[in-house]
Amino acid sequence: MRTTRPRRPARIANKWVSVLINALADGPQRYGDLSRRVAGISQKMLTHTLRAMERDGLVERTITAAVPVRVDYEPTELGASLLPVMRTIKGWAETPMDQVLTAREDYDAER
């Protein structure tokens, strides 16, 4: 079977990946905790994104035998290495917001 190299080797540009990596920064989280903590994500999208992140080596899924079964997610070393990058991007996005709003107003006024 021939495999092709993916165009995007990791899903870091995905909206939910960055949100989930930040949510997991405080330590292991259960699925239900993540579902409550991340506003606006559907159960289907949460499941899909966590599986994709696990496949990409960004999160580790740990199953603990209990009643009910306990499943925790936490960032791997690779996933945790994204945190400083995500924080920098978030900081940049928040800092020049007044400049963005001014640019939008100028653009809209010209149209």
PDB file of N, CA and C in Angstrom:
ATOM      1  N   MET A   1       0.831  -1.167   0.000  1.00  0.00           N
ATOM      2  CA  MET A   1       0.000   0.000   0.000  1.00  0.00           C
ATOM      3  C   MET A   1       0.886   1.245   0.000  1.00  0.00           C
ATOM      4  N   ARG A   2       0.594   2.150  -0.862  1.00  0.00           N
ATOM      5  CA  ARG A   2       1.372   3.386  -0.960  1.00  0.00           C
ATOM      6  C   ARG A   2       0.741   4.455  -0.065  1.00  0.00           C
ATOM      7  N   THR A   3       1.575   5.085   0.714  1.00  0.00           N
ATOM      8  CA  THR A   3       1.073   6.169   1.551  1.00  0.00           C
ATOM      9  C   THR A   3       1.600   7.490   1.017  1.00  0.00           C
ATOM     10  N   THR A   4       0.791   8.501   1.145  1.00  0.00           N
ATOM     11  CA  THR A   4       1.216   9.824   0.718  1.00  0.00           C
ATOM     12  C   THR A   4       1.439  10.689   1.946  1.00  0.00           C
ATOM     13  N   ARG A   5       2.311  11.615   1.789  1.00  0.00           N
ATOM     14  CA  ARG A   5       2.603  12.527   2.890  1.00  0.00           C
ATOM     15  C   ARG A   5       1.447  13.520   3.013  1.00  0.00           C
ATOM     16  N   PRO A   6       0.926  13.684   4.209  1.00  0.00           N
ATOM     17  CA  PRO A   6      -0.197  14.612   4.361  1.00  0.00           C
ATOM     18  C   PRO A   6       0.227  16.054   4.106  1.00  0.00           C
ATOM     19  N   ARG A   7      -0.713  16.841   3.600  1.00  0.00           N
ATOM     20  CA  ARG A   7      -0.417  18.253   3.361  1.00  0.00           C
ATOM     21  C   ARG A   7      -0.211  18.987   4.673  1.00  0.00           C
ATOM     22  N   ARG A   8      -0.975  18.603   5.680  1.00  0.00           N
ATOM     23  CA  ARG A   8      -0.825  19.179   7.020  1.00  0.00           C
ATOM     24  C   ARG A   8      -0.489  18.042   7.959  1.00  0.00           C
ATOM     25  N   PRO A   9       0.783  17.852   8.264  1.00  0.00           N
ATOM     26  CA  PRO A   9       1.165  16.721   9.104  1.00  0.00           C
ATOM     27  C   PRO A   9       0.519  16.733  10.485  1.00  0.00           C
ATOM     28  N   ALA A  10       0.270  17.885  11.044  1.00  0.00           N
ATOM     29  CA  ALA A  10      -0.383  17.970  12.347  1.00  0.00           C
ATOM     30  C   ALA A  10      -1.530  18.963  12.246  1.00  0.00           C
ATOM     31  N   ARG A  11      -2.466  18.847  13.148  1.00  0.00           N
ATOM     32  CA  ARG A  11      -3.676  19.638  13.082  1.00  0.00           C
ATOM     33  C   ARG A  11      -3.620  20.918  13.918  1.00  0.00           C
ATOM     34  N   ILE A  12      -2.486  21.532  14.032  1.00  0.00           N
ATOM     35  CA  ILE A  12      -2.378  22.679  14.933  1.00  0.00           C
ATOM     36  C   ILE A  12      -3.169  23.887  14.458  1.00  0.00           C
ATOM     37  N   ALA A  13      -3.501  23.948  13.166  1.00  0.00           N
ATOM     38  CA  ALA A  13      -4.268  25.090  12.673  1.00  0.00           C
ATOM     39  C   ALA A  13      -5.764  24.924  12.941  1.00  0.00           C
ATOM     40  N   ASN A  14      -6.173  23.760  13.368  1.00  0.00           N
ATOM     41  CA  ASN A  14      -7.576  23.503  13.669  1.00  0.00           C
ATOM     42  C   ASN A  14      -8.003  24.311  14.887  1.00  0.00           C
ATOM     43  N   LYS A  15      -9.142  24.963  14.765  1.00  0.00           N
ATOM     44  CA  LYS A  15      -9.666  25.804  15.854  1.00  0.00           C
ATOM     45  C   LYS A  15      -9.746  25.055  17.175  1.00  0.00           C
ATOM     46  N   TRP A  16     -10.268  23.841  17.143  1.00  0.00           N
ATOM     47  CA  TRP A  16     -10.507  23.106  18.383  1.00  0.00           C
ATOM     48  C   TRP A  16      -9.225  22.561  18.991  1.00  0.00           C
ATOM     49  N   VAL A  17      -8.218  22.288  18.180  1.00  0.00           N
ATOM     50  CA  VAL A  17      -6.945  21.790  18.716  1.00  0.00           C
ATOM     51  C   VAL A  17      -6.333  22.828  19.647  1.00  0.00           C
ATOM     52  N   SER A  18      -6.298  24.068  19.215  1.00  0.00           N
ATOM     53  CA  SER A  18      -5.702  25.101  20.064  1.00  0.00           C
ATOM     54  C   SER A  18      -6.511  25.308  21.337  1.00  0.00           C
ATOM     55  N   VAL A  19      -7.827  25.262  21.233  1.00  0.00           N
ATOM     56  CA  VAL A  19      -8.681  25.430  22.416  1.00  0.00           C
ATOM     57  C   VAL A  19      -8.474  24.267  23.386  1.00  0.00           C
ATOM     58  N   LEU A  20      -8.416  23.041  22.863  1.00  0.00           N
ATOM     59  CA  LEU A  20      -8.255  21.864  23.723  1.00  0.00           C
ATOM     60  C   LEU A  20      -6.863  21.800  24.345  1.00  0.00           C
ATOM     61  N   ILE A  21      -5.840  22.153  23.596  1.00  0.00           N
ATOM     62  CA  ILE A  21      -4.488  22.172  24.171  1.00  0.00           C
ATOM     63  C   ILE A  21      -4.444  23.144  25.346  1.00  0.00           C
ATOM     64  N   ASN A  22      -5.064  24.297  25.178  1.00  0.00           N
ATOM     65  CA  ASN A  22      -5.111  25.269  26.277  1.00  0.00           C
ATOM     66  C   ASN A  22      -5.930  24.744  27.450  1.00  0.00           C
ATOM     67  N   ALA A  23      -7.031  24.058  27.172  1.00  0.00           N
ATOM     68  CA  ALA A  23      -7.865  23.501  28.243  1.00  0.00           C
ATOM     69  C   ALA A  23      -7.122  22.415  29.011  1.00  0.00           C
ATOM     70  N   LEU A  24      -6.241  21.699  28.336  1.00  0.00           N
ATOM     71  CA  LEU A  24      -5.485  20.616  28.974  1.00  0.00           C
ATOM     72  C   LEU A  24      -4.212  21.109  29.664  1.00  0.00           C
ATOM     73  N   ALA A  25      -3.928  22.386  29.556  1.00  0.00           N
ATOM     74  CA  ALA A  25      -2.701  22.936  30.142  1.00  0.00           C
ATOM     75  C   ALA A  25      -2.662  22.790  31.656  1.00  0.00           C
ATOM     76  N   ASP A  26      -3.822  22.728  32.286  1.00  0.00           N
ATOM     77  CA  ASP A  26      -3.891  22.625  33.746  1.00  0.00           C
ATOM     78  C   ASP A  26      -3.720  21.203  34.262  1.00  0.00           C
ATOM     79  N   GLY A  27      -3.575  20.245  33.351  1.00  0.00           N
ATOM     80  CA  GLY A  27      -3.402  18.862  33.762  1.00  0.00           C
ATOM     81  C   GLY A  27      -4.463  17.968  33.154  1.00  0.00           C
ATOM     82  N   PRO A  28      -4.418  16.684  33.484  1.00  0.00           N
ATOM     83  CA  PRO A  28      -5.352  15.723  32.903  1.00  0.00           C
ATOM     84  C   PRO A  28      -6.808  16.140  33.116  1.00  0.00           C
ATOM     85  N   GLN A  29      -7.615  15.900  32.093  1.00  0.00           N
ATOM     86  CA  GLN A  29      -9.038  16.234  32.139  1.00  0.00           C
ATOM     87  C   GLN A  29      -9.844  15.041  31.637  1.00  0.00           C
ATOM     88  N   ARG A  30     -10.982  14.845  32.240  1.00  0.00           N
ATOM     89  CA  ARG A  30     -11.910  13.834  31.748  1.00  0.00           C
ATOM     90  C   ARG A  30     -12.700  14.414  30.581  1.00  0.00           C
ATOM     91  N   TYR A  31     -13.267  13.521  29.787  1.00  0.00           N
ATOM     92  CA  TYR A  31     -14.040  13.934  28.617  1.00  0.00           C
ATOM     93  C   TYR A  31     -15.152  14.906  29.015  1.00  0.00           C
ATOM     94  N   GLY A  32     -15.903  14.557  30.044  1.00  0.00           N
ATOM     95  CA  GLY A  32     -17.007  15.410  30.489  1.00  0.00           C
ATOM     96  C   GLY A  32     -16.541  16.778  30.949  1.00  0.00           C
ATOM     97  N   ASP A  33     -15.383  16.814  31.606  1.00  0.00           N
ATOM     98  CA  ASP A  33     -14.821  18.095  32.044  1.00  0.00           C
ATOM     99  C   ASP A  33     -14.474  18.968  30.838  1.00  0.00           C
ATOM    100  N   LEU A  34     -13.869  18.340  29.827  1.00  0.00           N
ATOM    101  CA  LEU A  34     -13.524  19.084  28.614  1.00  0.00           C
ATOM    102  C   LEU A  34     -14.780  19.585  27.908  1.00  0.00           C
ATOM    103  N   SER A  35     -15.795  18.734  27.866  1.00  0.00           N
ATOM    104  CA  SER A  35     -17.048  19.105  27.221  1.00  0.00           C
ATOM    105  C   SER A  35     -17.667  20.334  27.883  1.00  0.00           C
ATOM    106  N   ARG A  36     -17.623  20.382  29.197  1.00  0.00           N
ATOM    107  CA  ARG A  36     -18.171  21.534  29.926  1.00  0.00           C
ATOM    108  C   ARG A  36     -17.266  22.759  29.824  1.00  0.00           C
ATOM    109  N   ARG A  37     -15.988  22.534  29.791  1.00  0.00           N
ATOM    110  CA  ARG A  37     -15.016  23.633  29.809  1.00  0.00           C
ATOM    111  C   ARG A  37     -14.894  24.354  28.467  1.00  0.00           C
ATOM    112  N   VAL A  38     -15.085  23.607  27.381  1.00  0.00           N
ATOM    113  CA  VAL A  38     -14.911  24.171  26.041  1.00  0.00           C
ATOM    114  C   VAL A  38     -16.286  24.520  25.471  1.00  0.00           C
ATOM    115  N   ALA A  39     -16.634  25.771  25.563  1.00  0.00           N
ATOM    116  CA  ALA A  39     -17.948  26.224  25.098  1.00  0.00           C
ATOM    117  C   ALA A  39     -18.058  26.113  23.583  1.00  0.00           C
ATOM    118  N   GLY A  40     -19.200  25.635  23.134  1.00  0.00           N
ATOM    119  CA  GLY A  40     -19.493  25.620  21.710  1.00  0.00           C
ATOM    120  C   GLY A  40     -19.072  24.384  20.951  1.00  0.00           C
ATOM    121  N   ILE A  41     -18.374  23.456  21.579  1.00  0.00           N
ATOM    122  CA  ILE A  41     -17.949  22.252  20.871  1.00  0.00           C
ATOM    123  C   ILE A  41     -18.998  21.159  21.067  1.00  0.00           C
ATOM    124  N   SER A  42     -19.372  20.509  19.976  1.00  0.00           N
ATOM    125  CA  SER A  42     -20.331  19.407  20.061  1.00  0.00           C
ATOM    126  C   SER A  42     -19.609  18.151  20.544  1.00  0.00           C
ATOM    127  N   GLN A  43     -20.366  17.193  21.041  1.00  0.00           N
ATOM    128  CA  GLN A  43     -19.756  15.936  21.487  1.00  0.00           C
ATOM    129  C   GLN A  43     -19.061  15.238  20.328  1.00  0.00           C
ATOM    130  N   LYS A  44     -19.696  15.279  19.158  1.00  0.00           N
ATOM    131  CA  LYS A  44     -19.106  14.646  17.977  1.00  0.00           C
ATOM    132  C   LYS A  44     -17.762  15.293  17.629  1.00  0.00           C
ATOM    133  N   MET A  45     -17.711  16.624  17.645  1.00  0.00           N
ATOM    134  CA  MET A  45     -16.472  17.325  17.300  1.00  0.00           C
ATOM    135  C   MET A  45     -15.409  17.124  18.374  1.00  0.00           C
ATOM    136  N   LEU A  46     -15.819  17.097  19.645  1.00  0.00           N
ATOM    137  CA  LEU A  46     -14.864  16.857  20.729  1.00  0.00           C
ATOM    138  C   LEU A  46     -14.234  15.479  20.574  1.00  0.00           C
ATOM    139  N   THR A  47     -15.058  14.471  20.343  1.00  0.00           N
ATOM    140  CA  THR A  47     -14.554  13.107  20.153  1.00  0.00           C
ATOM    141  C   THR A  47     -13.628  13.037  18.947  1.00  0.00           C
ATOM    142  N   HIS A  48     -14.058  13.599  17.836  1.00  0.00           N
ATOM    143  CA  HIS A  48     -13.262  13.580  16.602  1.00  0.00           C
ATOM    144  C   HIS A  48     -11.908  14.272  16.808  1.00  0.00           C
ATOM    145  N   THR A  49     -11.936  15.437  17.448  1.00  0.00           N
ATOM    146  CA  THR A  49     -10.704  16.206  17.640  1.00  0.00           C
ATOM    147  C   THR A  49      -9.755  15.513  18.603  1.00  0.00           C
ATOM    148  N   LEU A  50     -10.280  14.970  19.699  1.00  0.00           N
ATOM    149  CA  LEU A  50      -9.420  14.256  20.652  1.00  0.00           C
ATOM    150  C   LEU A  50      -8.778  13.032  20.003  1.00  0.00           C
ATOM    151  N   ARG A  51      -9.541  12.300  19.200  1.00  0.00           N
ATOM    152  CA  ARG A  51      -8.973  11.129  18.502  1.00  0.00           C
ATOM    153  C   ARG A  51      -7.876  11.555  17.532  1.00  0.00           C
ATOM    154  N   ALA A  52      -8.128  12.626  16.790  1.00  0.00           N
ATOM    155  CA  ALA A  52      -7.127  13.121  15.838  1.00  0.00           C
ATOM    156  C   ALA A  52      -5.872  13.594  16.571  1.00  0.00           C
ATOM    157  N   MET A  53      -6.061  14.261  17.699  1.00  0.00           N
ATOM    158  CA  MET A  53      -4.914  14.733  18.483  1.00  0.00           C
ATOM    159  C   MET A  53      -4.137  13.563  19.070  1.00  0.00           C
ATOM    160  N   GLU A  54      -4.852  12.526  19.475  1.00  0.00           N
ATOM    161  CA  GLU A  54      -4.179  11.327  19.990  1.00  0.00           C
ATOM    162  C   GLU A  54      -3.378  10.670  18.870  1.00  0.00           C
ATOM    163  N   ARG A  55      -3.970  10.580  17.707  1.00  0.00           N
ATOM    164  CA  ARG A  55      -3.297   9.976  16.551  1.00  0.00           C
ATOM    165  C   ARG A  55      -2.046  10.760  16.167  1.00  0.00           C
ATOM    166  N   ASP A  56      -2.114  12.083  16.287  1.00  0.00           N
ATOM    167  CA  ASP A  56      -0.976  12.943  15.943  1.00  0.00           C
ATOM    168  C   ASP A  56       0.061  13.032  17.057  1.00  0.00           C
ATOM    169  N   GLY A  57      -0.214  12.390  18.188  1.00  0.00           N
ATOM    170  CA  GLY A  57       0.741  12.397  19.286  1.00  0.00           C
ATOM    171  C   GLY A  57       0.689  13.646  20.148  1.00  0.00           C
ATOM    172  N   LEU A  58      -0.419  14.390  20.074  1.00  0.00           N
ATOM    173  CA  LEU A  58      -0.544  15.624  20.850  1.00  0.00           C
ATOM    174  C   LEU A  58      -1.156  15.400  22.224  1.00  0.00           C
ATOM    175  N   VAL A  59      -2.000  14.370  22.351  1.00  0.00           N
ATOM    176  CA  VAL A  59      -2.593  14.042  23.647  1.00  0.00           C
ATOM    177  C   VAL A  59      -2.460  12.550  23.907  1.00  0.00           C
ATOM    178  N   GLU A  60      -2.480  12.223  25.172  1.00  0.00           N
ATOM    179  CA  GLU A  60      -2.459  10.829  25.600  1.00  0.00           C
ATOM    180  C   GLU A  60      -3.783  10.539  26.287  1.00  0.00           C
ATOM    181  N   ARG A  61      -4.355   9.415  25.954  1.00  0.00           N
ATOM    182  CA  ARG A  61      -5.624   8.974  26.526  1.00  0.00           C
ATOM    183  C   ARG A  61      -5.321   7.847  27.495  1.00  0.00           C
ATOM    184  N   THR A  62      -5.758   8.005  28.744  1.00  0.00           N
ATOM    185  CA  THR A  62      -5.513   6.994  29.767  1.00  0.00           C
ATOM    186  C   THR A  62      -6.845   6.467  30.270  1.00  0.00           C
ATOM    187  N   ILE A  63      -6.991   5.147  30.210  1.00  0.00           N
ATOM    188  CA  ILE A  63      -8.211   4.494  30.676  1.00  0.00           C
ATOM    189  C   ILE A  63      -7.922   3.862  32.026  1.00  0.00           C
ATOM    190  N   THR A  64      -8.754   4.174  33.010  1.00  0.00           N
ATOM    191  CA  THR A  64      -8.621   3.617  34.347  1.00  0.00           C
ATOM    192  C   THR A  64      -9.840   2.751  34.632  1.00  0.00           C
ATOM    193  N   ALA A  65      -9.577   1.499  35.014  1.00  0.00           N
ATOM    194  CA  ALA A  65     -10.679   0.585  35.318  1.00  0.00           C
ATOM    195  C   ALA A  65     -11.390   1.051  36.576  1.00  0.00           C
ATOM    196  N   ALA A  66     -12.624   1.387  36.418  1.00  0.00           N
ATOM    197  CA  ALA A  66     -13.472   1.820  37.524  1.00  0.00           C
ATOM    198  C   ALA A  66     -14.911   1.663  37.061  1.00  0.00           C
ATOM    199  N   VAL A  67     -15.837   1.934  37.926  1.00  0.00           N
ATOM    200  CA  VAL A  67     -17.245   1.902  37.539  1.00  0.00           C
ATOM    201  C   VAL A  67     -17.805   3.287  37.803  1.00  0.00           C
ATOM    202  N   PRO A  68     -18.125   4.055  36.788  1.00  0.00           N
ATOM    203  CA  PRO A  68     -17.877   3.781  35.370  1.00  0.00           C
ATOM    204  C   PRO A  68     -16.394   3.946  35.021  1.00  0.00           C
ATOM    205  N   VAL A  69     -16.047   3.456  33.832  1.00  0.00           N
ATOM    206  CA  VAL A  69     -14.665   3.545  33.366  1.00  0.00           C
ATOM    207  C   VAL A  69     -14.255   5.017  33.318  1.00  0.00           C
ATOM    208  N   ARG A  70     -13.056   5.292  33.761  1.00  0.00           N
ATOM    209  CA  ARG A  70     -12.536   6.668  33.770  1.00  0.00           C
ATOM    210  C   ARG A  70     -11.556   6.831  32.609  1.00  0.00           C
ATOM    211  N   VAL A  71     -11.773   7.851  31.806  1.00  0.00           N
ATOM    212  CA  VAL A  71     -10.893   8.153  30.680  1.00  0.00           C
ATOM    213  C   VAL A  71     -10.390   9.584  30.851  1.00  0.00           C
ATOM    214  N   ASP A  72      -9.070   9.723  30.922  1.00  0.00           N
ATOM    215  CA  ASP A  72      -8.442  11.036  31.074  1.00  0.00           C
ATOM    216  C   ASP A  72      -7.624  11.362  29.832  1.00  0.00           C
ATOM    217  N   TYR A  73      -7.562  12.641  29.526  1.00  0.00           N
ATOM    218  CA  TYR A  73      -6.744  13.138  28.424  1.00  0.00           C
ATOM    219  C   TYR A  73      -5.751  14.137  28.990  1.00  0.00           C
ATOM    220  N   GLU A  74      -4.528  14.067  28.495  1.00  0.00           N
ATOM    221  CA  GLU A  74      -3.525  15.051  28.890  1.00  0.00           C
ATOM    222  C   GLU A  74      -2.570  15.268  27.724  1.00  0.00           C
ATOM    223  N   PRO A  75      -1.970  16.443  27.657  1.00  0.00           N
ATOM    224  CA  PRO A  75      -1.048  16.691  26.557  1.00  0.00           C
ATOM    225  C   PRO A  75       0.221  15.853  26.702  1.00  0.00           C
ATOM    226  N   THR A  76       0.711  15.365  25.587  1.00  0.00           N
ATOM    227  CA  THR A  76       2.010  14.701  25.566  1.00  0.00           C
ATOM    228  C   THR A  76       3.078  15.794  25.611  1.00  0.00           C
ATOM    229  N   GLU A  77       4.320  15.386  25.612  1.00  0.00           N
ATOM    230  CA  GLU A  77       5.408  16.368  25.563  1.00  0.00           C
ATOM    231  C   GLU A  77       5.293  17.204  24.288  1.00  0.00           C
ATOM    232  N   LEU A  78       4.957  16.539  23.188  1.00  0.00           N
ATOM    233  CA  LEU A  78       4.781  17.247  21.917  1.00  0.00           C
ATOM    234  C   LEU A  78       3.616  18.228  22.007  1.00  0.00           C
ATOM    235  N   GLY A  79       2.495  17.776  22.568  1.00  0.00           N
ATOM    236  CA  GLY A  79       1.337  18.657  22.720  1.00  0.00           C
ATOM    237  C   GLY A  79       1.627  19.833  23.633  1.00  0.00           C
ATOM    238  N   ALA A  80       2.316  19.562  24.728  1.00  0.00           N
ATOM    239  CA  ALA A  80       2.660  20.635  25.672  1.00  0.00           C
ATOM    240  C   ALA A  80       3.599  21.658  25.037  1.00  0.00           C
ATOM    241  N   SER A  81       4.397  21.214  24.067  1.00  0.00           N
ATOM    242  CA  SER A  81       5.310  22.155  23.405  1.00  0.00           C
ATOM    243  C   SER A  81       4.553  23.184  22.567  1.00  0.00           C
ATOM    244  N   LEU A  82       3.276  22.925  22.290  1.00  0.00           N
ATOM    245  CA  LEU A  82       2.456  23.895  21.559  1.00  0.00           C
ATOM    246  C   LEU A  82       1.974  25.045  22.441  1.00  0.00           C
ATOM    247  N   LEU A  83       1.934  24.825  23.749  1.00  0.00           N
ATOM    248  CA  LEU A  83       1.375  25.834  24.653  1.00  0.00           C
ATOM    249  C   LEU A  83       2.029  27.211  24.530  1.00  0.00           C
ATOM    250  N   PRO A  84       3.354  27.307  24.565  1.00  0.00           N
ATOM    251  CA  PRO A  84       3.955  28.644  24.422  1.00  0.00           C
ATOM    252  C   PRO A  84       3.608  29.297  23.083  1.00  0.00           C
ATOM    253  N   VAL A  85       3.536  28.491  22.032  1.00  0.00           N
ATOM    254  CA  VAL A  85       3.190  29.014  20.710  1.00  0.00           C
ATOM    255  C   VAL A  85       1.760  29.549  20.721  1.00  0.00           C
ATOM    256  N   MET A  86       0.841  28.763  21.281  1.00  0.00           N
ATOM    257  CA  MET A  86      -0.567  29.171  21.340  1.00  0.00           C
ATOM    258  C   MET A  86      -0.742  30.424  22.196  1.00  0.00           C
ATOM    259  N   ARG A  87      -0.026  30.495  23.289  1.00  0.00           N
ATOM    260  CA  ARG A  87      -0.126  31.680  24.156  1.00  0.00           C
ATOM    261  C   ARG A  87       0.407  32.926  23.452  1.00  0.00           C
ATOM    262  N   THR A  88       1.476  32.758  22.684  1.00  0.00           N
ATOM    263  CA  THR A  88       2.027  33.884  21.930  1.00  0.00           C
ATOM    264  C   THR A  88       1.028  34.372  20.889  1.00  0.00           C
ATOM    265  N   ILE A  89       0.417  33.443  20.167  1.00  0.00           N
ATOM    266  CA  ILE A  89      -0.578  33.809  19.152  1.00  0.00           C
ATOM    267  C   ILE A  89      -1.773  34.495  19.806  1.00  0.00           C
ATOM    268  N   LYS A  90      -2.241  33.944  20.909  1.00  0.00           N
ATOM    269  CA  LYS A  90      -3.379  34.538  21.623  1.00  0.00           C
ATOM    270  C   LYS A  90      -3.031  35.950  22.093  1.00  0.00           C
ATOM    271  N   GLY A  91      -1.850  36.102  22.647  1.00  0.00           N
ATOM    272  CA  GLY A  91      -1.414  37.419  23.098  1.00  0.00           C
ATOM    273  C   GLY A  91      -1.335  38.421  21.964  1.00  0.00           C
ATOM    274  N   TRP A  92      -0.802  37.970  20.831  1.00  0.00           N
ATOM    275  CA  TRP A  92      -0.723  38.850  19.675  1.00  0.00           C
ATOM    276  C   TRP A  92      -2.115  39.241  19.197  1.00  0.00           C
ATOM    277  N   ALA A  93      -3.017  38.282  19.148  1.00  0.00           N
ATOM    278  CA  ALA A  93      -4.376  38.549  18.665  1.00  0.00           C
ATOM    279  C   ALA A  93      -5.108  39.542  19.560  1.00  0.00           C
ATOM    280  N   GLU A  94      -4.816  39.523  20.839  1.00  0.00           N
ATOM    281  CA  GLU A  94      -5.505  40.418  21.768  1.00  0.00           C
ATOM    282  C   GLU A  94      -4.860  41.799  21.837  1.00  0.00           C
ATOM    283  N   THR A  95      -3.566  41.880  21.653  1.00  0.00           N
ATOM    284  CA  THR A  95      -2.849  43.147  21.820  1.00  0.00           C
ATOM    285  C   THR A  95      -3.215  44.200  20.777  1.00  0.00           C
ATOM    286  N   PRO A  96      -3.111  43.915  19.483  1.00  0.00           N
ATOM    287  CA  PRO A  96      -3.377  44.982  18.512  1.00  0.00           C
ATOM    288  C   PRO A  96      -4.848  45.085  18.098  1.00  0.00           C
ATOM    289  N   MET A  97      -5.774  44.644  18.944  1.00  0.00           N
ATOM    290  CA  MET A  97      -7.176  44.639  18.552  1.00  0.00           C
ATOM    291  C   MET A  97      -7.674  46.034  18.196  1.00  0.00           C
ATOM    292  N   ASP A  98      -7.202  47.056  18.878  1.00  0.00           N
ATOM    293  CA  ASP A  98      -7.626  48.416  18.546  1.00  0.00           C
ATOM    294  C   ASP A  98      -7.173  48.794  17.139  1.00  0.00           C
ATOM    295  N   GLN A  99      -6.012  48.300  16.737  1.00  0.00           N
ATOM    296  CA  GLN A  99      -5.524  48.555  15.381  1.00  0.00           C
ATOM    297  C   GLN A  99      -6.386  47.838  14.349  1.00  0.00           C
ATOM    298  N   VAL A 100      -6.794  46.625  14.671  1.00  0.00           N
ATOM    299  CA  VAL A 100      -7.655  45.862  13.763  1.00  0.00           C
ATOM    300  C   VAL A 100      -9.000  46.568  13.614  1.00  0.00           C
ATOM    301  N   LEU A 101      -9.576  47.003  14.721  1.00  0.00           N
ATOM    302  CA  LEU A 101     -10.867  47.692  14.665  1.00  0.00           C
ATOM    303  C   LEU A 101     -10.775  48.992  13.867  1.00  0.00           C
ATOM    304  N   THR A 102      -9.690  49.731  14.045  1.00  0.00           N
ATOM    305  CA  THR A 102      -9.484  50.964  13.276  1.00  0.00           C
ATOM    306  C   THR A 102      -9.360  50.649  11.794  1.00  0.00           C
ATOM    307  N   ALA A 103      -8.606  49.622  11.455  1.00  0.00           N
ATOM    308  CA  ALA A 103      -8.445  49.220  10.053  1.00  0.00           C
ATOM    309  C   ALA A 103      -9.785  48.818   9.448  1.00  0.00           C
ATOM    310  N   ARG A 104     -10.607  48.108  10.196  1.00  0.00           N
ATOM    311  CA  ARG A 104     -11.931  47.709   9.702  1.00  0.00           C
ATOM    312  C   ARG A 104     -12.812  48.937   9.450  1.00  0.00           C
ATOM    313  N   GLU A 105     -12.786  49.861  10.394  1.00  0.00           N
ATOM    314  CA  GLU A 105     -13.588  51.083  10.236  1.00  0.00           C
ATOM    315  C   GLU A 105     -13.133  51.870   9.009  1.00  0.00           C
ATOM    316  N   ASP A 106     -11.828  52.000   8.824  1.00  0.00           N
ATOM    317  CA  ASP A 106     -11.292  52.706   7.656  1.00  0.00           C
ATOM    318  C   ASP A 106     -11.699  52.003   6.366  1.00  0.00           C
ATOM    319  N   TYR A 107     -11.594  50.705   6.357  1.00  0.00           N
ATOM    320  CA  TYR A 107     -11.957  49.914   5.180  1.00  0.00           C
ATOM    321  C   TYR A 107     -13.434  50.092   4.857  1.00  0.00           C
ATOM    322  N   ASP A 108     -14.277  49.947   5.879  1.00  0.00           N
ATOM    323  CA  ASP A 108     -15.722  50.064   5.674  1.00  0.00           C
ATOM    324  C   ASP A 108     -16.111  51.469   5.219  1.00  0.00           C
ATOM    325  N   ALA A 109     -15.429  52.490   5.729  1.00  0.00           N
ATOM    326  CA  ALA A 109     -15.730  53.873   5.351  1.00  0.00           C
ATOM    327  C   ALA A 109     -15.398  54.133   3.881  1.00  0.00           C
ATOM    328  N   GLU A 110     -14.407  53.439   3.358  1.00  0.00           N
ATOM    329  CA  GLU A 110     -14.005  53.612   1.960  1.00  0.00           C
ATOM    330  C   GLU A 110     -14.916  52.866   1.000  1.00  0.00           C
ATOM    331  N   ARG A 111     -15.694  51.958   1.481  1.00  0.00           N
ATOM    332  CA  ARG A 111     -16.535  51.129   0.608  1.00  0.00           C
ATOM    333  C   ARG A 111     -17.928  51.654   0.556  1.00  0.00           C
TER     334      ARG A 111
END
